[in-house]
Amino acid sequence: MAIKKLNADLVPRIRKLEMFARQTSLSQYIEGNWTTTTKGQGIEFSGYRAYTYGDDASMIDWKATLRSKSLLVKEYNTEKSVNVYFLMDVSNSMLFTSTKKLKAEHAAELVSGLSYAILRSGDGVGVSMFNDKLVTRLPINIGSKMHRLITNDLGNVNNYGGNFSFENTARIIMNVINTRAVLVIVSDFIGLSPEWNKSLRMLSTKFEIIGIMIRDPRDRELPKDTGQFYLEDPFTNEKLYVDTEQYADAYKKYVEKEEAEIAKYFKTSNADFIKITTDKDYYTELTKFFKRRAYTHARG
């Protein structure tokens, strides 16, 4: 299933995000604040200093103290630069829209814009596009050249379409990313298997995770009183006539339950999660999300 034309207006959106990154709390989050919550990561031992009243006694190095015959406390430097890896779903279900742009186009603009801002802050970015495997893989790097490589992959229509397997992708990612990173999963999360949450938990043991769900309004709700619709499964090509008046309410309840379960699995995996719809300004939603996330993490 190919895209006839991909109209990802990356340059205007990048400029818009740059404005947000300079003028809103999103800048405070991106510029040096991708600090992970994983214990023991991002901290480097820098040396010793004399113990002073009020220091945490657990930081005393007793072996060094015995050698020097004075109380010595370990000091650490917090690693400021952080790697961010985007995992973007390009499977068939992302090639749908009832609005002006495909879900995949919204995802491409989001990944490109955030990558641009993160790279400008001096942090590293990597990107993989996936369906039931990794379609592309750009290892983590820094600099403006990296962003050109990212936009080239995002703008290539041949990278879009295909089946979907979160489990296969998760296993590959566990092996190909060998450094500390924040893993940002951008997907509509349609077509998940019953056991997908096990793969999410597996990823959470190695990475700090942010899930960004991008859905079209029609993913969530069918129009009522509009007669029959001819629907096709994006992965199996199975076709079905549906009377919206008969099934609209049941469909809405099913999707609400499904989205709540997905959000719950992210929460139980100690991961952050945000839902975005293609009929709204997702940059405003992202700004609110990152502001709230930064505040929550700052409180510990």
Protein backbone atom coordinates (compact mmCIF):
# COMPACT_ATOMS: atom_id res chain seq x y z
CA MET A 1 0.00 0.00 0.00
CA ALA A 2 1.90 3.06 -1.23
CA ILE A 3 1.42 6.75 -0.65
CA LYS A 4 0.68 8.61 -3.88
CA LYS A 5 1.99 11.88 -2.50
CA LEU A 6 3.56 12.70 0.82
CA ASN A 7 2.96 16.35 1.68
CA ALA A 8 4.95 16.58 4.89
CA ASP A 9 5.55 20.33 5.09
CA LEU A 10 8.67 19.87 7.14
CA VAL A 11 10.36 23.25 6.71
CA PRO A 12 7.40 25.43 7.87
CA ARG A 13 6.73 23.07 10.76
CA ILE A 14 10.38 23.08 11.78
CA ARG A 15 10.35 26.87 11.87
CA LYS A 16 7.16 26.81 13.91
CA LEU A 17 8.68 24.40 16.41
CA GLU A 18 11.82 26.54 16.61
CA MET A 19 9.61 29.47 17.60
CA PHE A 20 7.97 27.31 20.28
CA ALA A 21 11.36 26.06 21.43
CA ARG A 22 12.54 29.63 21.98
CA GLN A 23 9.39 31.16 23.45
CA THR A 24 7.69 28.49 25.56
CA SER A 25 8.42 25.99 28.28
CA LEU A 26 9.17 23.42 25.58
CA SER A 27 12.57 25.09 25.15
CA GLN A 28 13.34 24.58 28.84
CA TYR A 29 12.58 20.90 28.42
CA ILE A 30 14.49 20.32 25.20
CA GLU A 31 17.56 22.44 25.94
CA GLY A 32 19.47 20.16 28.30
CA ASN A 33 16.52 18.63 30.13
CA TRP A 34 16.12 15.21 28.48
CA THR A 35 17.41 13.86 31.80
CA THR A 36 16.44 10.23 32.23
CA THR A 37 15.02 8.75 35.41
CA THR A 38 16.89 5.47 35.05
CA LYS A 39 18.85 4.83 38.24
CA GLY A 40 22.61 4.94 37.90
CA GLN A 41 22.61 6.32 34.35
CA GLY A 42 23.94 9.68 33.31
CA ILE A 43 26.11 10.10 36.44
CA GLU A 44 29.90 9.99 36.35
CA PHE A 45 32.26 9.82 39.37
CA SER A 46 34.45 12.95 39.46
CA GLY A 47 36.46 12.62 42.68
CA TYR A 48 36.46 13.18 46.46
CA ARG A 49 36.04 16.14 48.76
CA ALA A 50 36.07 16.62 52.55
CA TYR A 51 32.84 15.83 54.39
CA THR A 52 30.93 18.88 55.61
CA TYR A 53 27.98 19.10 57.99
CA GLY A 54 24.72 18.41 56.15
CA ASP A 55 26.19 16.03 53.54
CA ASP A 56 24.42 12.77 52.90
CA ALA A 57 26.25 10.24 55.06
CA SER A 58 25.59 7.50 52.51
CA MET A 59 27.97 9.30 50.13
CA ILE A 60 30.95 8.80 52.48
CA ASP A 61 33.58 6.50 50.98
CA TRP A 62 34.84 4.63 54.04
CA LYS A 63 37.76 2.96 52.28
CA ALA A 64 39.09 6.30 51.05
CA THR A 65 38.41 7.78 54.49
CA LEU A 66 40.55 5.13 56.21
CA ARG A 67 43.39 5.70 53.74
CA SER A 68 43.36 9.49 54.15
CA LYS A 69 42.37 9.49 57.85
CA SER A 70 39.69 12.15 57.15
CA LEU A 71 36.04 11.87 56.10
CA LEU A 72 35.77 11.92 52.30
CA VAL A 73 32.62 12.17 50.24
CA LYS A 74 32.24 10.99 46.65
CA GLU A 75 31.31 13.63 44.07
CA TYR A 76 29.58 13.01 40.77
CA ASN A 77 29.01 14.97 37.59
CA THR A 78 25.57 14.66 36.06
CA GLU A 79 25.78 13.92 32.37
CA LYS A 80 23.92 16.76 30.61
CA SER A 81 23.84 15.53 27.03
CA VAL A 82 21.22 12.89 26.31
CA ASN A 83 20.49 10.74 23.29
CA VAL A 84 16.93 10.67 21.93
CA TYR A 85 15.87 7.89 19.57
CA PHE A 86 12.64 8.18 17.59
CA LEU A 87 10.84 5.01 16.57
CA MET A 88 8.22 6.00 13.98
CA ASP A 89 5.45 3.70 12.75
CA VAL A 90 5.03 3.79 8.94
CA SER A 91 2.74 0.77 8.55
CA ASN A 92 -0.44 0.73 6.46
CA SER A 93 -2.72 2.01 9.23
CA MET A 94 -0.65 5.22 9.37
CA LEU A 95 -1.58 5.92 5.73
CA PHE A 96 -5.12 6.98 6.57
CA THR A 97 -6.83 10.32 7.00
CA SER A 98 -10.23 11.92 7.21
CA THR A 99 -8.53 15.33 7.55
CA LYS A 100 -6.04 17.18 5.36
CA LYS A 101 -3.04 15.03 6.18
CA LEU A 102 -2.25 11.38 6.73
CA LYS A 103 -1.33 10.24 10.20
CA ALA A 104 2.10 9.43 8.77
CA GLU A 105 2.50 13.03 7.63
CA HIS A 106 1.72 14.33 11.10
CA ALA A 107 4.22 11.83 12.52
CA ALA A 108 6.91 12.88 10.02
CA GLU A 109 6.46 16.56 10.82
CA LEU A 110 6.53 15.87 14.55
CA VAL A 111 9.67 13.72 14.40
CA SER A 112 11.44 16.16 12.08
CA GLY A 113 10.53 19.20 14.16
CA LEU A 114 11.46 17.70 17.52
CA SER A 115 14.69 16.28 16.08
CA TYR A 116 15.62 19.73 14.82
CA ALA A 117 15.08 21.32 18.23
CA ILE A 118 16.91 18.54 20.09
CA LEU A 119 19.91 18.68 17.74
CA ARG A 120 20.06 22.47 18.16
CA SER A 121 20.29 21.95 21.92
CA GLY A 122 23.40 19.80 21.40
CA ASP A 123 21.86 16.44 22.20
CA GLY A 124 22.06 13.38 19.96
CA VAL A 125 19.21 12.01 17.85
CA GLY A 126 18.61 8.73 16.07
CA VAL A 127 15.57 7.69 14.01
CA SER A 128 14.13 4.40 12.78
CA MET A 129 10.98 4.01 10.68
CA PHE A 130 9.26 0.67 11.22
CA ASN A 131 6.37 -1.55 10.18
CA ASP A 132 6.91 -5.25 10.97
CA LYS A 133 10.65 -4.60 10.76
CA LEU A 134 13.02 -1.62 10.68
CA VAL A 135 12.54 0.09 7.33
CA THR A 136 15.27 2.68 8.01
CA ARG A 137 17.89 3.10 10.71
CA LEU A 138 19.86 6.25 11.44
CA PRO A 139 22.20 5.68 14.41
CA ILE A 140 22.37 8.40 17.05
CA ASN A 141 24.42 11.40 15.96
CA ILE A 142 24.57 15.19 16.37
CA GLY A 143 24.69 18.26 14.13
CA SER A 144 22.79 19.81 11.23
CA LYS A 145 23.91 17.09 8.81
CA MET A 146 22.03 14.58 10.94
CA HIS A 147 18.81 16.50 10.49
CA ARG A 148 19.22 16.48 6.70
CA LEU A 149 19.57 12.69 6.81
CA ILE A 150 16.43 12.44 8.96
CA THR A 151 14.32 14.60 6.63
CA ASN A 152 15.56 12.63 3.61
CA ASP A 153 14.29 9.40 5.15
CA LEU A 154 11.01 10.95 6.31
CA GLY A 155 10.35 12.43 2.87
CA ASN A 156 10.99 9.20 0.95
CA VAL A 157 7.59 7.73 0.00
CA ASN A 158 9.17 4.31 -0.52
CA ASN A 159 9.69 4.05 3.25
CA TYR A 160 5.94 4.00 3.96
CA GLY A 161 3.46 1.13 4.08
CA GLY A 162 3.56 -2.51 5.13
CA ASN A 163 2.37 -4.74 7.93
CA PHE A 164 2.84 -4.04 11.62
CA SER A 165 4.63 -5.83 14.43
CA PHE A 166 5.61 -4.01 17.59
CA GLU A 167 7.17 -7.16 19.03
CA ASN A 168 9.57 -7.72 16.12
CA THR A 169 10.59 -4.06 16.18
CA ALA A 170 11.16 -4.08 19.94
CA ARG A 171 13.49 -7.09 19.71
CA ILE A 172 15.54 -5.41 16.98
CA ILE A 173 15.77 -2.10 18.86
CA MET A 174 17.03 -3.87 21.99
CA ASN A 175 19.98 -5.10 19.92
CA VAL A 176 20.77 -2.09 17.71
CA ILE A 177 20.79 0.69 20.35
CA ASN A 178 23.71 0.09 22.67
CA THR A 179 23.79 3.43 24.44
CA ARG A 180 21.73 5.31 26.98
CA ALA A 181 18.73 6.92 25.28
CA VAL A 182 15.22 8.26 25.62
CA LEU A 183 13.12 6.14 23.25
CA VAL A 184 10.20 8.04 21.69
CA ILE A 185 7.66 5.72 20.04
CA VAL A 186 5.39 7.52 17.53
CA SER A 187 2.49 5.36 16.31
CA ASP A 188 -1.28 5.02 16.12
CA PHE A 189 -0.83 1.74 18.05
CA ILE A 190 -3.38 0.03 15.80
CA GLY A 191 -2.85 -3.68 15.16
CA LEU A 192 -1.17 -4.51 18.48
CA SER A 193 -1.08 -8.16 19.46
CA PRO A 194 -2.46 -9.28 22.85
CA GLU A 195 1.11 -9.72 24.16
CA TRP A 196 2.56 -6.41 22.95
CA ASN A 197 2.83 -5.01 26.48
CA LYS A 198 5.53 -7.58 27.30
CA SER A 199 7.69 -6.04 24.59
CA LEU A 200 7.04 -2.59 26.04
CA ARG A 201 8.16 -3.76 29.48
CA MET A 202 11.27 -5.28 27.92
CA LEU A 203 12.16 -1.95 26.30
CA SER A 204 11.54 -0.10 29.57
CA THR A 205 14.29 -2.11 31.28
CA LYS A 206 16.85 -0.50 28.95
CA PHE A 207 15.38 2.87 27.92
CA GLU A 208 13.30 5.69 29.26
CA ILE A 209 10.21 5.65 27.04
CA ILE A 210 7.79 8.25 25.73
CA GLY A 211 4.79 7.01 23.75
CA ILE A 212 3.12 9.43 21.31
CA MET A 213 -0.17 8.09 19.97
CA ILE A 214 -1.31 9.77 16.74
CA ARG A 215 -4.86 8.96 15.70
CA ASP A 216 -7.36 10.25 13.18
CA PRO A 217 -10.84 11.23 14.43
CA ARG A 218 -12.24 8.28 12.47
CA ASP A 219 -9.99 5.93 14.41
CA ARG A 220 -11.98 6.91 17.47
CA GLU A 221 -15.51 7.53 16.29
CA LEU A 222 -17.71 6.60 13.33
CA PRO A 223 -20.14 9.20 11.92
CA LYS A 224 -23.70 8.46 13.05
CA ASP A 225 -26.79 8.34 10.84
CA THR A 226 -24.82 8.29 7.60
CA GLY A 227 -25.75 4.83 6.36
CA GLN A 228 -23.36 2.05 5.45
CA PHE A 229 -19.62 2.33 5.02
CA TYR A 230 -17.32 -0.03 3.16
CA LEU A 231 -14.34 -0.68 5.43
CA GLU A 232 -11.06 -2.46 4.72
CA ASP A 233 -8.55 -3.82 7.22
CA PRO A 234 -5.22 -2.07 6.48
CA PHE A 235 -3.21 -5.21 7.21
CA THR A 236 -5.35 -8.16 6.04
CA ASN A 237 -7.32 -6.38 3.28
CA GLU A 238 -10.49 -7.95 4.69
CA LYS A 239 -13.56 -5.91 3.64
CA LEU A 240 -16.75 -5.31 5.55
CA TYR A 241 -19.97 -3.26 5.22
CA VAL A 242 -20.82 -1.46 8.46
CA ASP A 243 -24.03 0.33 9.36
CA THR A 244 -22.79 3.29 11.41
CA GLU A 245 -26.12 3.85 13.14
CA GLN A 246 -25.98 0.30 14.47
CA TYR A 247 -22.32 0.13 15.46
CA ALA A 248 -21.16 3.73 16.15
CA ASP A 249 -21.74 3.65 19.90
CA ALA A 250 -20.20 0.19 20.34
CA TYR A 251 -17.19 1.20 18.24
CA LYS A 252 -16.60 4.35 20.29
CA LYS A 253 -16.75 2.41 23.56
CA TYR A 254 -14.36 -0.23 22.21
CA VAL A 255 -11.79 2.39 21.15
CA GLU A 256 -12.05 4.25 24.46
CA LYS A 257 -11.36 1.00 26.30
CA GLU A 258 -8.47 0.13 23.98
CA GLU A 259 -6.80 3.54 24.37
CA ALA A 260 -7.21 3.40 28.14
CA GLU A 261 -5.50 -0.01 28.22
CA ILE A 262 -2.62 1.24 26.05
CA ALA A 263 -2.14 4.25 28.34
CA LYS A 264 -2.27 1.93 31.39
CA TYR A 265 0.47 -0.33 29.99
CA PHE A 266 2.73 2.67 29.40
CA LYS A 267 2.12 3.84 32.96
CA THR A 268 2.83 0.43 34.48
CA SER A 269 6.06 0.32 32.44
CA ASN A 270 7.11 3.66 34.02
CA ALA A 271 6.80 5.32 30.62
CA ASP A 272 5.21 8.62 29.62
CA PHE A 273 2.33 8.74 27.16
CA ILE A 274 0.41 11.34 25.17
CA LYS A 275 -2.54 11.05 22.77
CA ILE A 276 -2.75 13.36 19.74
CA THR A 277 -5.47 13.63 17.09
CA THR A 278 -4.83 14.86 13.56
CA ASP A 279 -7.61 17.47 13.70
CA LYS A 280 -5.85 19.47 16.44
CA ASP A 281 -2.64 21.50 16.76
CA TYR A 282 -0.30 18.87 18.14
CA TYR A 283 2.48 21.36 18.91
CA THR A 284 0.28 22.96 21.55
CA GLU A 285 -0.45 19.52 23.00
CA LEU A 286 3.24 18.60 22.96
CA THR A 287 4.17 21.81 24.75
CA LYS A 288 1.68 21.08 27.52
CA PHE A 289 2.87 17.48 27.74
CA PHE A 290 6.57 18.33 27.98
CA LYS A 291 5.92 21.08 30.51
CA ARG A 292 3.94 18.68 32.69
CA ARG A 293 6.54 15.92 32.26
CA ALA A 294 9.45 18.22 33.18
CA TYR A 295 7.59 19.38 36.30
CA THR A 296 6.79 15.81 37.34
CA HIS A 297 10.37 14.65 36.87
CA ALA A 298 11.74 17.67 38.70
CA ARG A 299 9.66 16.70 41.73
CA GLY A 300 11.18 13.21 41.54
